[in-house]
Amino acid sequence: KPGKLRLITLTTATKDKNADFQKDFRKLRMRLLRRHLLMDYIRCRETTKSGLRHEHILFRGSYIEQVFLSHLWSEIHGTPVVDIRKVSGKRALASYLAKYASKGITARTS
């Protein structure tokens, strides 16, 4: 499949936004799908010690500018806190999968 492996982390800024996370992620995913930017993915939900939710999304695809992704997430969820990076090599991929496999993974393939 074309594209490099990439990792997105989406974060919520306040606990009261945790309840909207799933609905807001669906909106973000649909906007990215329209641009063919987020097709197949694996994601893992995590809650920080302070109670804030964030999700890690591993996908293969085209480069998404952090500024663009941050703008979309802010528009949809009300916070611009996102990170996106390329997964470099098999070790990095194995490390990611091992770290989050026990935390609950959701997969979507087209």
N, C-alpha and C. Protein backbone atom coordinates (compact mmCIF):
# COMPACT_ATOMS: atom_id res chain seq x y z
N LYS A 1 0.84 -1.19 0.00
CA LYS A 1 0.00 0.00 0.00
C LYS A 1 0.88 1.24 0.00
N PRO A 2 0.44 2.29 -0.66
CA PRO A 2 1.24 3.51 -0.71
C PRO A 2 1.22 4.26 0.62
N GLY A 3 2.24 5.06 0.80
CA GLY A 3 2.32 5.90 1.99
C GLY A 3 3.17 5.29 3.08
N LYS A 4 3.63 6.16 3.94
CA LYS A 4 4.47 5.75 5.06
C LYS A 4 3.61 5.57 6.31
N LEU A 5 4.12 4.80 7.27
CA LEU A 5 3.42 4.66 8.54
C LEU A 5 3.55 5.95 9.32
N ARG A 6 2.43 6.39 9.88
CA ARG A 6 2.40 7.64 10.64
C ARG A 6 1.61 7.43 11.91
N LEU A 7 1.92 8.24 12.90
CA LEU A 7 1.25 8.17 14.19
C LEU A 7 0.68 9.53 14.53
N ILE A 8 -0.61 9.58 14.79
CA ILE A 8 -1.28 10.81 15.23
C ILE A 8 -1.68 10.62 16.68
N THR A 9 -1.49 11.64 17.49
CA THR A 9 -2.03 11.66 18.84
C THR A 9 -2.96 12.85 18.95
N LEU A 10 -4.21 12.57 19.31
CA LEU A 10 -5.22 13.60 19.53
C LEU A 10 -5.47 13.70 21.02
N THR A 11 -5.58 14.91 21.52
CA THR A 11 -5.75 15.12 22.95
C THR A 11 -6.92 16.05 23.21
N THR A 12 -7.58 15.82 24.33
CA THR A 12 -8.62 16.73 24.78
C THR A 12 -8.03 17.64 25.86
N ALA A 13 -8.49 18.86 25.91
CA ALA A 13 -7.90 19.84 26.84
C ALA A 13 -8.58 19.85 28.20
N THR A 14 -9.84 19.41 28.26
CA THR A 14 -10.58 19.43 29.52
C THR A 14 -11.36 18.13 29.68
N LYS A 15 -11.60 17.72 30.93
CA LYS A 15 -12.32 16.48 31.20
C LYS A 15 -13.74 16.52 30.64
N ASP A 16 -14.36 17.70 30.64
CA ASP A 16 -15.74 17.78 30.15
C ASP A 16 -15.84 17.49 28.65
N LYS A 17 -14.74 17.55 27.92
CA LYS A 17 -14.74 17.22 26.49
C LYS A 17 -14.53 15.72 26.24
N ASN A 18 -14.18 14.95 27.29
CA ASN A 18 -13.96 13.51 27.12
C ASN A 18 -15.17 12.82 26.51
N ALA A 19 -16.37 13.21 26.95
CA ALA A 19 -17.60 12.57 26.48
C ALA A 19 -17.83 12.79 24.98
N ASP A 20 -17.32 13.87 24.43
CA ASP A 20 -17.51 14.19 23.01
C ASP A 20 -16.44 13.59 22.11
N PHE A 21 -15.43 12.97 22.70
CA PHE A 21 -14.26 12.54 21.94
C PHE A 21 -14.62 11.62 20.79
N GLN A 22 -15.42 10.58 21.05
CA GLN A 22 -15.75 9.60 20.01
C GLN A 22 -16.49 10.25 18.85
N LYS A 23 -17.49 11.05 19.17
CA LYS A 23 -18.28 11.75 18.14
C LYS A 23 -17.37 12.68 17.34
N ASP A 24 -16.52 13.41 18.03
CA ASP A 24 -15.62 14.35 17.37
C ASP A 24 -14.57 13.63 16.52
N PHE A 25 -14.10 12.47 16.99
CA PHE A 25 -13.15 11.70 16.19
C PHE A 25 -13.81 11.26 14.88
N ARG A 26 -15.08 10.83 14.94
CA ARG A 26 -15.79 10.44 13.72
C ARG A 26 -15.86 11.60 12.73
N LYS A 27 -16.12 12.80 13.22
CA LYS A 27 -16.18 13.98 12.35
C LYS A 27 -14.82 14.23 11.70
N LEU A 28 -13.76 14.16 12.51
CA LEU A 28 -12.41 14.36 11.98
C LEU A 28 -12.09 13.30 10.93
N ARG A 29 -12.40 12.05 11.25
CA ARG A 29 -12.12 10.95 10.32
C ARG A 29 -12.84 11.16 8.99
N MET A 30 -14.09 11.59 9.04
CA MET A 30 -14.84 11.83 7.80
C MET A 30 -14.21 12.95 6.97
N ARG A 31 -13.77 14.00 7.63
CA ARG A 31 -13.12 15.10 6.89
C ARG A 31 -11.82 14.63 6.24
N LEU A 32 -11.07 13.80 6.96
CA LEU A 32 -9.81 13.28 6.41
C LEU A 32 -10.08 12.25 5.31
N LEU A 33 -11.13 11.44 5.48
CA LEU A 33 -11.49 10.47 4.44
C LEU A 33 -11.84 11.15 3.13
N ARG A 34 -12.55 12.26 3.21
CA ARG A 34 -12.92 12.99 1.99
C ARG A 34 -11.69 13.42 1.21
N ARG A 35 -10.58 13.61 1.92
CA ARG A 35 -9.33 14.01 1.28
C ARG A 35 -8.41 12.80 1.06
N HIS A 36 -8.92 11.60 1.31
CA HIS A 36 -8.16 10.35 1.17
C HIS A 36 -6.91 10.35 2.05
N LEU A 37 -7.03 10.89 3.27
CA LEU A 37 -5.87 11.00 4.16
C LEU A 37 -5.88 10.02 5.32
N LEU A 38 -7.01 9.42 5.63
CA LEU A 38 -7.06 8.48 6.76
C LEU A 38 -7.96 7.32 6.37
N MET A 39 -7.39 6.32 5.73
CA MET A 39 -8.18 5.20 5.23
C MET A 39 -8.16 4.07 6.27
N ASP A 40 -7.10 3.30 6.32
CA ASP A 40 -6.96 2.20 7.27
C ASP A 40 -6.17 2.68 8.47
N TYR A 41 -6.59 2.26 9.65
CA TYR A 41 -5.87 2.71 10.84
C TYR A 41 -6.10 1.76 12.01
N ILE A 42 -5.26 1.91 12.99
CA ILE A 42 -5.41 1.26 14.28
C ILE A 42 -5.35 2.38 15.30
N ARG A 43 -6.23 2.36 16.29
CA ARG A 43 -6.18 3.42 17.28
C ARG A 43 -6.32 2.85 18.68
N CYS A 44 -5.78 3.58 19.61
CA CYS A 44 -5.78 3.16 21.00
C CYS A 44 -6.15 4.35 21.88
N ARG A 45 -7.13 4.15 22.75
CA ARG A 45 -7.54 5.20 23.68
C ARG A 45 -6.71 5.09 24.96
N GLU A 46 -6.40 6.25 25.51
CA GLU A 46 -5.65 6.30 26.76
C GLU A 46 -6.17 7.48 27.58
N THR A 47 -6.16 7.31 28.89
CA THR A 47 -6.54 8.40 29.79
C THR A 47 -5.33 8.72 30.65
N THR A 48 -4.99 10.01 30.71
CA THR A 48 -3.83 10.43 31.50
C THR A 48 -4.16 10.36 32.98
N LYS A 49 -3.15 10.48 33.82
CA LYS A 49 -3.35 10.48 35.27
C LYS A 49 -4.27 11.61 35.72
N SER A 50 -4.26 12.71 34.97
CA SER A 50 -5.12 13.84 35.32
C SER A 50 -6.54 13.68 34.76
N GLY A 51 -6.81 12.56 34.08
CA GLY A 51 -8.16 12.28 33.60
C GLY A 51 -8.47 12.75 32.20
N LEU A 52 -7.47 13.27 31.49
CA LEU A 52 -7.70 13.74 30.12
C LEU A 52 -7.55 12.58 29.14
N ARG A 53 -8.43 12.52 28.17
CA ARG A 53 -8.40 11.45 27.18
C ARG A 53 -7.53 11.85 25.99
N HIS A 54 -6.79 10.89 25.49
CA HIS A 54 -6.13 11.07 24.21
C HIS A 54 -6.10 9.74 23.47
N GLU A 55 -5.97 9.83 22.17
CA GLU A 55 -5.94 8.63 21.34
C GLU A 55 -4.74 8.67 20.42
N HIS A 56 -4.18 7.48 20.24
CA HIS A 56 -3.06 7.29 19.33
C HIS A 56 -3.61 6.56 18.11
N ILE A 57 -3.36 7.10 16.94
CA ILE A 57 -3.86 6.52 15.70
C ILE A 57 -2.67 6.21 14.79
N LEU A 58 -2.49 4.94 14.50
CA LEU A 58 -1.43 4.49 13.61
C LEU A 58 -2.05 4.24 12.24
N PHE A 59 -1.51 4.84 11.20
CA PHE A 59 -2.06 4.65 9.86
C PHE A 59 -0.96 4.71 8.82
N ARG A 60 -1.28 4.19 7.64
CA ARG A 60 -0.38 4.27 6.50
C ARG A 60 -1.02 5.25 5.54
N GLY A 61 -0.27 6.28 5.17
CA GLY A 61 -0.86 7.24 4.26
C GLY A 61 0.03 8.41 3.96
N SER A 62 -0.58 9.36 3.30
CA SER A 62 0.12 10.57 2.89
C SER A 62 0.41 11.47 4.09
N TYR A 63 1.34 12.35 3.88
CA TYR A 63 1.71 13.33 4.90
C TYR A 63 0.53 14.25 5.17
N ILE A 64 0.26 14.50 6.44
CA ILE A 64 -0.76 15.47 6.86
C ILE A 64 -0.03 16.54 7.65
N GLU A 65 -0.15 17.76 7.23
CA GLU A 65 0.53 18.84 7.95
C GLU A 65 -0.05 18.99 9.35
N GLN A 66 0.83 19.14 10.34
CA GLN A 66 0.40 19.28 11.72
C GLN A 66 -0.50 20.49 11.89
N VAL A 67 -0.19 21.59 11.23
CA VAL A 67 -0.99 22.82 11.33
C VAL A 67 -2.41 22.56 10.82
N PHE A 68 -2.52 21.83 9.71
CA PHE A 68 -3.83 21.51 9.14
C PHE A 68 -4.62 20.61 10.09
N LEU A 69 -3.98 19.56 10.60
CA LEU A 69 -4.63 18.63 11.51
C LEU A 69 -5.04 19.34 12.80
N SER A 70 -4.17 20.18 13.31
CA SER A 70 -4.45 20.96 14.52
C SER A 70 -5.65 21.88 14.31
N HIS A 71 -5.71 22.51 13.14
CA HIS A 71 -6.84 23.40 12.83
C HIS A 71 -8.15 22.61 12.80
N LEU A 72 -8.15 21.45 12.13
CA LEU A 72 -9.36 20.63 12.06
C LEU A 72 -9.81 20.18 13.44
N TRP A 73 -8.86 19.68 14.25
CA TRP A 73 -9.20 19.17 15.58
C TRP A 73 -9.72 20.31 16.46
N SER A 74 -9.14 21.47 16.34
CA SER A 74 -9.60 22.63 17.11
C SER A 74 -11.01 23.03 16.68
N GLU A 75 -11.26 23.03 15.40
CA GLU A 75 -12.57 23.39 14.87
C GLU A 75 -13.65 22.40 15.33
N ILE A 76 -13.30 21.12 15.38
CA ILE A 76 -14.26 20.07 15.74
C ILE A 76 -14.36 19.88 17.25
N HIS A 77 -13.23 19.80 17.93
CA HIS A 77 -13.20 19.40 19.34
C HIS A 77 -12.92 20.56 20.30
N GLY A 78 -12.47 21.68 19.76
CA GLY A 78 -12.24 22.84 20.61
C GLY A 78 -10.86 22.94 21.21
N THR A 79 -9.95 22.06 20.79
CA THR A 79 -8.57 22.13 21.25
C THR A 79 -7.63 21.77 20.10
N PRO A 80 -6.54 22.52 19.95
CA PRO A 80 -5.62 22.25 18.84
C PRO A 80 -4.52 21.25 19.17
N VAL A 81 -4.64 20.52 20.28
CA VAL A 81 -3.55 19.67 20.76
C VAL A 81 -3.49 18.37 19.96
N VAL A 82 -2.58 18.33 18.97
CA VAL A 82 -2.36 17.13 18.15
C VAL A 82 -0.87 16.97 17.90
N ASP A 83 -0.49 15.74 17.65
CA ASP A 83 0.89 15.46 17.27
C ASP A 83 0.82 14.48 16.10
N ILE A 84 1.67 14.65 15.14
CA ILE A 84 1.75 13.70 14.04
C ILE A 84 3.22 13.49 13.71
N ARG A 85 3.58 12.23 13.50
CA ARG A 85 4.97 11.92 13.17
C ARG A 85 5.05 10.65 12.34
N LYS A 86 6.11 10.53 11.60
CA LYS A 86 6.38 9.33 10.80
C LYS A 86 6.92 8.25 11.73
N VAL A 87 6.47 7.02 11.52
CA VAL A 87 7.01 5.88 12.27
C VAL A 87 8.20 5.37 11.47
N SER A 88 9.38 5.48 12.05
CA SER A 88 10.62 5.15 11.34
C SER A 88 11.09 3.74 11.67
N GLY A 89 10.85 2.83 10.78
CA GLY A 89 11.42 1.49 10.90
C GLY A 89 10.56 0.48 11.65
N LYS A 90 10.97 -0.77 11.50
CA LYS A 90 10.23 -1.88 12.10
C LYS A 90 10.30 -1.88 13.62
N ARG A 91 11.42 -1.45 14.16
CA ARG A 91 11.55 -1.41 15.63
C ARG A 91 10.58 -0.41 16.25
N ALA A 92 10.46 0.75 15.62
CA ALA A 92 9.53 1.76 16.13
C ALA A 92 8.10 1.25 16.05
N LEU A 93 7.77 0.57 14.97
CA LEU A 93 6.43 0.00 14.82
C LEU A 93 6.18 -1.07 15.88
N ALA A 94 7.14 -1.97 16.05
CA ALA A 94 7.00 -3.03 17.05
C ALA A 94 6.86 -2.45 18.45
N SER A 95 7.63 -1.42 18.73
CA SER A 95 7.57 -0.76 20.04
C SER A 95 6.20 -0.15 20.28
N TYR A 96 5.68 0.53 19.27
CA TYR A 96 4.35 1.14 19.39
C TYR A 96 3.30 0.07 19.65
N LEU A 97 3.29 -0.98 18.83
CA LEU A 97 2.28 -2.02 18.96
C LEU A 97 2.36 -2.73 20.30
N ALA A 98 3.57 -3.00 20.77
CA ALA A 98 3.73 -3.66 22.06
C ALA A 98 3.24 -2.76 23.20
N LYS A 99 3.53 -1.48 23.11
CA LYS A 99 3.15 -0.55 24.17
C LYS A 99 1.64 -0.44 24.33
N TYR A 100 0.93 -0.41 23.20
CA TYR A 100 -0.50 -0.14 23.26
C TYR A 100 -1.39 -1.36 23.09
N ALA A 101 -0.84 -2.52 22.75
CA ALA A 101 -1.66 -3.71 22.53
C ALA A 101 -2.47 -4.08 23.76
N SER A 102 -1.91 -3.87 24.93
CA SER A 102 -2.62 -4.24 26.16
C SER A 102 -3.62 -3.18 26.61
N LYS A 103 -3.67 -2.05 25.93
CA LYS A 103 -4.55 -0.96 26.36
C LYS A 103 -5.86 -0.92 25.59
N GLY A 104 -6.04 -1.80 24.64
CA GLY A 104 -7.28 -1.81 23.86
C GLY A 104 -7.11 -1.10 22.54
N ILE A 105 -7.20 -1.83 21.47
CA ILE A 105 -6.98 -1.28 20.13
C ILE A 105 -8.25 -1.43 19.31
N THR A 106 -8.57 -0.40 18.55
CA THR A 106 -9.67 -0.43 17.59
C THR A 106 -9.06 -0.31 16.21
N ALA A 107 -9.47 -1.18 15.30
CA ALA A 107 -8.93 -1.13 13.94
C ALA A 107 -10.03 -0.82 12.95
N ARG A 108 -9.67 -0.15 11.89
CA ARG A 108 -10.60 0.11 10.78
C ARG A 108 -9.85 -0.07 9.49
N THR A 109 -10.39 -0.90 8.63
CA THR A 109 -9.79 -1.06 7.31
C THR A 109 -10.85 -0.82 6.26
N SER A 110 -10.40 -0.33 5.12
CA SER A 110 -11.36 -0.04 4.04
C SER A 110 -11.48 -1.22 3.12
